[in-house]
């Protein structure tokens, strides 16, 4: 049996309203600062989408000599 590296990526999103700014660039900057300061934290209620695709770190099938002990394994025998 072969083994493959598959990436699961979940996307979280939230819309926030930025008041009292002059431009979209200033609004983006304010939100960036709020995220960095920990004032905006996304959680499971902000779940938006999921992608399941081949991992970009491997070329599909993983060879037997590849060290993949770091990764979670499923269907392991």
PDB file of N, CA and C in Angstrom:
ATOM      1  N   UNK A   1       0.832  -1.184   0.000  1.00  0.00           N
ATOM      2  CA  UNK A   1       0.000   0.000   0.000  1.00  0.00           C
ATOM      3  C   UNK A   1       0.877   1.249   0.000  1.00  0.00           C
ATOM      4  N   UNK A   2       0.428   2.272  -0.652  1.00  0.00           N
ATOM      5  CA  UNK A   2       1.155   3.534  -0.720  1.00  0.00           C
ATOM      6  C   UNK A   2       0.660   4.500   0.342  1.00  0.00           C
ATOM      7  N   UNK A   3       1.445   5.547   0.563  1.00  0.00           N
ATOM      8  CA  UNK A   3       0.987   6.614   1.445  1.00  0.00           C
ATOM      9  C   UNK A   3       1.144   7.946   0.727  1.00  0.00           C
ATOM     10  N   UNK A   4       0.235   8.843   1.035  1.00  0.00           N
ATOM     11  CA  UNK A   4       0.164  10.141   0.368  1.00  0.00           C
ATOM     12  C   UNK A   4       0.067  11.252   1.402  1.00  0.00           C
ATOM     13  N   UNK A   5       0.605  12.394   1.076  1.00  0.00           N
ATOM     14  CA  UNK A   5       0.510  13.571   1.944  1.00  0.00           C
ATOM     15  C   UNK A   5      -0.633  14.450   1.438  1.00  0.00           C
ATOM     16  N   UNK A   6      -1.614  14.654   2.289  1.00  0.00           N
ATOM     17  CA  UNK A   6      -2.788  15.456   1.947  1.00  0.00           C
ATOM     18  C   UNK A   6      -2.887  16.614   2.945  1.00  0.00           C
ATOM     19  N   UNK A   7      -3.095  17.812   2.434  1.00  0.00           N
ATOM     20  CA  UNK A   7      -3.222  18.991   3.300  1.00  0.00           C
ATOM     21  C   UNK A   7      -4.689  19.334   3.502  1.00  0.00           C
ATOM     22  N   UNK A   8      -5.046  19.562   4.758  1.00  0.00           N
ATOM     23  CA  UNK A   8      -6.378  20.052   5.114  1.00  0.00           C
ATOM     24  C   UNK A   8      -6.183  21.483   5.604  1.00  0.00           C
ATOM     25  N   UNK A   9      -6.847  22.414   4.944  1.00  0.00           N
ATOM     26  CA  UNK A   9      -6.737  23.820   5.325  1.00  0.00           C
ATOM     27  C   UNK A   9      -8.133  24.348   5.601  1.00  0.00           C
ATOM     28  N   UNK A  10      -8.343  24.859   6.802  1.00  0.00           N
ATOM     29  CA  UNK A  10      -9.627  25.453   7.148  1.00  0.00           C
ATOM     30  C   UNK A  10      -9.471  26.965   7.173  1.00  0.00           C
ATOM     31  N   UNK A  11     -10.481  27.619   6.661  1.00  0.00           N
ATOM     32  CA  UNK A  11     -10.442  29.066   6.519  1.00  0.00           C
ATOM     33  C   UNK A  11     -11.478  29.676   7.453  1.00  0.00           C
ATOM     34  N   UNK A  12     -11.032  30.645   8.226  1.00  0.00           N
ATOM     35  CA  UNK A  12     -11.902  31.374   9.135  1.00  0.00           C
ATOM     36  C   UNK A  12     -11.951  32.824   8.668  1.00  0.00           C
ATOM     37  N   UNK A  13     -13.107  33.446   8.795  1.00  0.00           N
ATOM     38  CA  UNK A  13     -13.207  34.848   8.385  1.00  0.00           C
ATOM     39  C   UNK A  13     -14.255  35.564   9.220  1.00  0.00           C
ATOM     40  N   UNK A  14     -14.060  36.869   9.349  1.00  0.00           N
ATOM     41  CA  UNK A  14     -15.008  37.713  10.071  1.00  0.00           C
ATOM     42  C   UNK A  14     -14.941  39.104   9.453  1.00  0.00           C
ATOM     43  N   UNK A  15     -16.078  39.716   9.273  1.00  0.00           N
ATOM     44  CA  UNK A  15     -16.126  41.100   8.816  1.00  0.00           C
ATOM     45  C   UNK A  15     -16.186  42.009  10.031  1.00  0.00           C
ATOM     46  N   UNK A  16     -15.319  43.005  10.052  1.00  0.00           N
ATOM     47  CA  UNK A  16     -15.349  44.006  11.116  1.00  0.00           C
ATOM     48  C   UNK A  16     -15.561  45.375  10.480  1.00  0.00           C
ATOM     49  N   UNK A  17     -16.205  46.254  11.201  1.00  0.00           N
ATOM     50  CA  UNK A  17     -16.463  47.608  10.725  1.00  0.00           C
ATOM     51  C   UNK A  17     -15.452  48.540  11.377  1.00  0.00           C
ATOM     52  N   UNK A  18     -14.802  49.344  10.557  1.00  0.00           N
ATOM     53  CA  UNK A  18     -13.816  50.297  11.054  1.00  0.00           C
ATOM     54  C   UNK A  18     -14.401  51.695  10.897  1.00  0.00           C
ATOM     55  N   UNK A  19     -14.629  52.340  12.001  1.00  0.00           N
ATOM     56  CA  UNK A  19     -15.194  53.697  12.003  1.00  0.00           C
ATOM     57  C   UNK A  19     -14.082  54.744  12.060  1.00  0.00           C
ATOM     58  N   UNK A  20     -14.411  55.933  11.609  1.00  0.00           N
ATOM     59  CA  UNK A  20     -13.559  57.118  11.783  1.00  0.00           C
ATOM     60  C   UNK A  20     -12.173  56.987  11.155  1.00  0.00           C
ATOM     61  N   UNK A  21     -12.128  56.514   9.911  1.00  0.00           N
ATOM     62  CA  UNK A  21     -10.877  56.482   9.149  1.00  0.00           C
ATOM     63  C   UNK A  21     -11.100  57.195   7.822  1.00  0.00           C
ATOM     64  N   UNK A  22     -10.004  57.582   7.177  1.00  0.00           N
ATOM     65  CA  UNK A  22     -10.072  58.369   5.946  1.00  0.00           C
ATOM     66  C   UNK A  22     -10.074  57.530   4.672  1.00  0.00           C
ATOM     67  N   UNK A  23      -9.581  56.269   4.745  1.00  0.00           N
ATOM     68  CA  UNK A  23      -9.432  55.487   3.513  1.00  0.00           C
ATOM     69  C   UNK A  23      -9.478  53.991   3.814  1.00  0.00           C
ATOM     70  N   UNK A  24      -9.616  53.214   2.753  1.00  0.00           N
ATOM     71  CA  UNK A  24      -9.587  51.753   2.888  1.00  0.00           C
ATOM     72  C   UNK A  24      -8.225  51.291   3.400  1.00  0.00           C
ATOM     73  N   UNK A  25      -7.149  51.955   2.953  1.00  0.00           N
ATOM     74  CA  UNK A  25      -5.813  51.588   3.429  1.00  0.00           C
ATOM     75  C   UNK A  25      -5.680  51.802   4.933  1.00  0.00           C
ATOM     76  N   UNK A  26      -6.226  52.902   5.426  1.00  0.00           N
ATOM     77  CA  UNK A  26      -6.191  53.162   6.862  1.00  0.00           C
ATOM     78  C   UNK A  26      -7.037  52.129   7.615  1.00  0.00           C
ATOM     79  N   UNK A  27      -8.181  51.761   7.045  1.00  0.00           N
ATOM     80  CA  UNK A  27      -9.033  50.744   7.667  1.00  0.00           C
ATOM     81  C   UNK A  27      -8.301  49.403   7.739  1.00  0.00           C
ATOM     82  N   UNK A  28      -7.649  49.011   6.647  1.00  0.00           N
ATOM     83  CA  UNK A  28      -6.877  47.761   6.640  1.00  0.00           C
ATOM     84  C   UNK A  28      -5.768  47.802   7.685  1.00  0.00           C
ATOM     85  N   UNK A  29      -5.094  48.927   7.783  1.00  0.00           N
ATOM     86  CA  UNK A  29      -4.023  49.086   8.761  1.00  0.00           C
ATOM     87  C   UNK A  29      -4.559  48.963  10.189  1.00  0.00           C
ATOM     88  N   UNK A  30      -5.691  49.579  10.461  1.00  0.00           N
ATOM     89  CA  UNK A  30      -6.289  49.513  11.798  1.00  0.00           C
ATOM     90  C   UNK A  30      -6.680  48.082  12.163  1.00  0.00           C
ATOM     91  N   UNK A  31      -7.236  47.351  11.214  1.00  0.00           N
ATOM     92  CA  UNK A  31      -7.602  45.955  11.479  1.00  0.00           C
ATOM     93  C   UNK A  31      -6.348  45.117  11.700  1.00  0.00           C
ATOM     94  N   UNK A  32      -5.319  45.341  10.902  1.00  0.00           N
ATOM     95  CA  UNK A  32      -4.055  44.626  11.102  1.00  0.00           C
ATOM     96  C   UNK A  32      -3.484  44.858  12.488  1.00  0.00           C
ATOM     97  N   UNK A  33      -3.518  46.099  12.946  1.00  0.00           N
ATOM     98  CA  UNK A  33      -3.029  46.415  14.294  1.00  0.00           C
ATOM     99  C   UNK A  33      -3.895  45.751  15.363  1.00  0.00           C
ATOM    100  N   UNK A  34      -5.211  45.719  15.150  1.00  0.00           N
ATOM    101  CA  UNK A  34      -6.118  45.086  16.117  1.00  0.00           C
ATOM    102  C   UNK A  34      -5.861  43.584  16.206  1.00  0.00           C
ATOM    103  N   UNK A  35      -5.599  42.948  15.071  1.00  0.00           N
ATOM    104  CA  UNK A  35      -5.286  41.515  15.064  1.00  0.00           C
ATOM    105  C   UNK A  35      -3.977  41.274  15.815  1.00  0.00           C
ATOM    106  N   UNK A  36      -2.947  42.062  15.497  1.00  0.00           N
ATOM    107  CA  UNK A  36      -1.643  41.904  16.151  1.00  0.00           C
ATOM    108  C   UNK A  36      -1.733  42.130  17.658  1.00  0.00           C
ATOM    109  N   UNK A  37      -2.610  43.027  18.080  1.00  0.00           N
ATOM    110  CA  UNK A  37      -2.767  43.331  19.505  1.00  0.00           C
ATOM    111  C   UNK A  37      -3.659  42.319  20.220  1.00  0.00           C
ATOM    112  N   UNK A  38      -4.232  41.381  19.470  1.00  0.00           N
ATOM    113  CA  UNK A  38      -5.083  40.363  20.074  1.00  0.00           C
ATOM    114  C   UNK A  38      -6.505  40.827  20.344  1.00  0.00           C
ATOM    115  N   UNK A  39      -6.915  41.926  19.728  1.00  0.00           N
ATOM    116  CA  UNK A  39      -8.280  42.419  19.928  1.00  0.00           C
ATOM    117  C   UNK A  39      -9.271  41.749  18.984  1.00  0.00           C
ATOM    118  N   UNK A  40      -8.768  41.105  17.926  1.00  0.00           N
ATOM    119  CA  UNK A  40      -9.611  40.327  17.011  1.00  0.00           C
ATOM    120  C   UNK A  40      -9.054  38.908  17.001  1.00  0.00           C
ATOM    121  N   UNK A  41      -9.835  37.960  17.470  1.00  0.00           N
ATOM    122  CA  UNK A  41      -9.433  36.552  17.513  1.00  0.00           C
ATOM    123  C   UNK A  41     -10.533  35.714  16.877  1.00  0.00           C
ATOM    124  N   UNK A  42     -10.201  35.034  15.805  1.00  0.00           N
ATOM    125  CA  UNK A  42     -11.183  34.192  15.133  1.00  0.00           C
ATOM    126  C   UNK A  42     -11.280  32.847  15.848  1.00  0.00           C
ATOM    127  N   UNK A  43     -12.499  32.305  15.903  1.00  0.00           N
ATOM    128  CA  UNK A  43     -12.709  31.006  16.532  1.00  0.00           C
ATOM    129  C   UNK A  43     -13.653  30.168  15.680  1.00  0.00           C
ATOM    130  N   UNK A  44     -14.113  29.038  16.228  1.00  0.00           N
ATOM    131  CA  UNK A  44     -14.915  28.098  15.440  1.00  0.00           C
ATOM    132  C   UNK A  44     -16.193  28.725  14.891  1.00  0.00           C
ATOM    133  N   UNK A  45     -16.708  29.769  15.519  1.00  0.00           N
ATOM    134  CA  UNK A  45     -17.898  30.445  14.985  1.00  0.00           C
ATOM    135  C   UNK A  45     -17.604  31.196  13.690  1.00  0.00           C
ATOM    136  N   UNK A  46     -16.324  31.426  13.408  1.00  0.00           N
ATOM    137  CA  UNK A  46     -15.911  32.156  12.211  1.00  0.00           C
ATOM    138  C   UNK A  46     -15.531  31.226  11.055  1.00  0.00           C
ATOM    139  N   UNK A  47     -15.787  29.922  11.216  1.00  0.00           N
ATOM    140  CA  UNK A  47     -15.465  28.956  10.163  1.00  0.00           C
ATOM    141  C   UNK A  47     -16.142  29.362   8.861  1.00  0.00           C
ATOM    142  N   UNK A  48     -15.375  29.316   7.765  1.00  0.00           N
ATOM    143  CA  UNK A  48     -15.896  29.743   6.473  1.00  0.00           C
ATOM    144  C   UNK A  48     -15.812  28.659   5.400  1.00  0.00           C
ATOM    145  N   UNK A  49     -14.694  27.938   5.329  1.00  0.00           N
ATOM    146  CA  UNK A  49     -14.506  26.990   4.233  1.00  0.00           C
ATOM    147  C   UNK A  49     -13.394  26.007   4.587  1.00  0.00           C
ATOM    148  N   UNK A  50     -13.299  24.925   3.806  1.00  0.00           N
ATOM    149  CA  UNK A  50     -12.263  23.913   3.988  1.00  0.00           C
ATOM    150  C   UNK A  50     -11.759  23.465   2.624  1.00  0.00           C
ATOM    151  N   UNK A  51     -10.444  23.340   2.513  1.00  0.00           N
ATOM    152  CA  UNK A  51      -9.809  22.797   1.313  1.00  0.00           C
ATOM    153  C   UNK A  51      -9.096  21.511   1.700  1.00  0.00           C
ATOM    154  N   UNK A  52      -9.247  20.474   0.890  1.00  0.00           N
ATOM    155  CA  UNK A  52      -8.502  19.228   1.060  1.00  0.00           C
ATOM    156  C   UNK A  52      -7.828  18.963  -0.273  1.00  0.00           C
ATOM    157  N   UNK A  53      -6.476  18.940  -0.246  1.00  0.00           N
ATOM    158  CA  UNK A  53      -5.709  18.855  -1.487  1.00  0.00           C
ATOM    159  C   UNK A  53      -4.362  18.194  -1.219  1.00  0.00           C
ATOM    160  N   UNK A  54      -3.666  17.753  -2.260  1.00  0.00           N
ATOM    161  CA  UNK A  54      -2.330  17.204  -2.057  1.00  0.00           C
ATOM    162  C   UNK A  54      -1.424  18.243  -1.388  1.00  0.00           C
ATOM    163  N   UNK A  55      -0.595  17.793  -0.470  1.00  0.00           N
ATOM    164  CA  UNK A  55       0.301  18.703   0.241  1.00  0.00           C
ATOM    165  C   UNK A  55       1.331  19.296  -0.715  1.00  0.00           C
ATOM    166  N   UNK A  56       1.591  20.599  -0.613  1.00  0.00           N
ATOM    167  CA  UNK A  56       2.604  21.208  -1.472  1.00  0.00           C
ATOM    168  C   UNK A  56       4.025  20.822  -1.057  1.00  0.00           C
ATOM    169  N   UNK A  57       4.196  20.175   0.101  1.00  0.00           N
ATOM    170  CA  UNK A  57       5.520  19.802   0.591  1.00  0.00           C
ATOM    171  C   UNK A  57       6.016  18.471   0.034  1.00  0.00           C
ATOM    172  N   UNK A  58       5.139  17.738  -0.605  1.00  0.00           N
ATOM    173  CA  UNK A  58       5.497  16.437  -1.166  1.00  0.00           C
ATOM    174  C   UNK A  58       4.936  16.354  -2.580  1.00  0.00           C
ATOM    175  N   UNK A  59       5.519  15.502  -3.401  1.00  0.00           N
ATOM    176  CA  UNK A  59       5.018  15.300  -4.766  1.00  0.00           C
ATOM    177  C   UNK A  59       4.076  14.100  -4.801  1.00  0.00           C
ATOM    178  N   UNK A  60       2.939  14.213  -4.150  1.00  0.00           N
ATOM    179  CA  UNK A  60       1.961  13.123  -4.181  1.00  0.00           C
ATOM    180  C   UNK A  60       2.361  11.973  -3.293  1.00  0.00           C
ATOM    181  N   UNK A  61       2.692  10.860  -3.904  1.00  0.00           N
ATOM    182  CA  UNK A  61       3.032   9.651  -3.159  1.00  0.00           C
ATOM    183  C   UNK A  61       4.342   9.840  -2.399  1.00  0.00           C
ATOM    184  N   UNK A  62       4.366   9.347  -1.164  1.00  0.00           N
ATOM    185  CA  UNK A  62       5.546   9.486  -0.316  1.00  0.00           C
ATOM    186  C   UNK A  62       6.368   8.209  -0.402  1.00  0.00           C
ATOM    187  N   UNK A  63       7.665   8.357  -0.627  1.00  0.00           N
ATOM    188  CA  UNK A  63       8.535   7.184  -0.713  1.00  0.00           C
ATOM    189  C   UNK A  63       8.754   6.596   0.678  1.00  0.00           C
ATOM    190  N   UNK A  64       9.106   5.321   0.725  1.00  0.00           N
ATOM    191  CA  UNK A  64       9.282   4.618   1.996  1.00  0.00           C
ATOM    192  C   UNK A  64      10.427   5.184   2.831  1.00  0.00           C
ATOM    193  N   UNK A  65      11.421   5.813   2.204  1.00  0.00           N
ATOM    194  CA  UNK A  65      12.560   6.340   2.957  1.00  0.00           C
ATOM    195  C   UNK A  65      12.348   7.780   3.443  1.00  0.00           C
ATOM    196  N   UNK A  66      11.202   8.354   3.162  1.00  0.00           N
ATOM    197  CA  UNK A  66      10.889   9.725   3.595  1.00  0.00           C
ATOM    198  C   UNK A  66      10.485   9.719   5.069  1.00  0.00           C
ATOM    199  N   UNK A  67      11.102  10.600   5.885  1.00  0.00           N
ATOM    200  CA  UNK A  67      10.748  10.702   7.306  1.00  0.00           C
ATOM    201  C   UNK A  67       9.511  11.579   7.446  1.00  0.00           C
ATOM    202  N   UNK A  68       8.387  10.953   7.750  1.00  0.00           N
ATOM    203  CA  UNK A  68       7.126  11.674   7.927  1.00  0.00           C
ATOM    204  C   UNK A  68       6.594  11.469   9.347  1.00  0.00           C
ATOM    205  N   UNK A  69       7.489  11.177  10.288  1.00  0.00           N
ATOM    206  CA  UNK A  69       7.078  10.914  11.668  1.00  0.00           C
ATOM    207  C   UNK A  69       6.465  12.143  12.334  1.00  0.00           C
ATOM    208  N   UNK A  70       6.790  13.320  11.853  1.00  0.00           N
ATOM    209  CA  UNK A  70       6.252  14.567  12.414  1.00  0.00           C
ATOM    210  C   UNK A  70       4.753  14.713  12.164  1.00  0.00           C
ATOM    211  N   UNK A  71       4.270  14.157  11.082  1.00  0.00           N
ATOM    212  CA  UNK A  71       2.895  14.375  10.636  1.00  0.00           C
ATOM    213  C   UNK A  71       1.911  13.401  11.279  1.00  0.00           C
ATOM    214  N   UNK A  72       0.660  13.837  11.387  1.00  0.00           N
ATOM    215  CA  UNK A  72      -0.414  12.952  11.845  1.00  0.00           C
ATOM    216  C   UNK A  72      -0.659  11.898  10.774  1.00  0.00           C
ATOM    217  N   UNK A  73      -0.893  10.671  11.203  1.00  0.00           N
ATOM    218  CA  UNK A  73      -1.149   9.567  10.278  1.00  0.00           C
ATOM    219  C   UNK A  73      -2.563   9.034  10.510  1.00  0.00           C
ATOM    220  N   UNK A  74      -3.247   8.682   9.428  1.00  0.00           N
ATOM    221  CA  UNK A  74      -4.535   7.998   9.531  1.00  0.00           C
ATOM    222  C   UNK A  74      -4.452   6.715   8.712  1.00  0.00           C
ATOM    223  N   UNK A  75      -5.275   5.767   9.027  1.00  0.00           N
ATOM    224  CA  UNK A  75      -5.302   4.450   8.366  1.00  0.00           C
ATOM    225  C   UNK A  75      -3.984   3.706   8.518  1.00  0.00           C
ATOM    226  N   UNK A  76      -3.252   3.995   9.588  1.00  0.00           N
ATOM    227  CA  UNK A  76      -1.971   3.340   9.820  1.00  0.00           C
ATOM    228  C   UNK A  76      -2.198   1.922  10.327  1.00  0.00           C
ATOM    229  N   UNK A  77      -1.422   0.984   9.833  1.00  0.00           N
ATOM    230  CA  UNK A  77      -1.569  -0.417  10.239  1.00  0.00           C
ATOM    231  C   UNK A  77      -0.469  -0.790  11.184  1.00  0.00           C
TER     232      UNK A  77
END
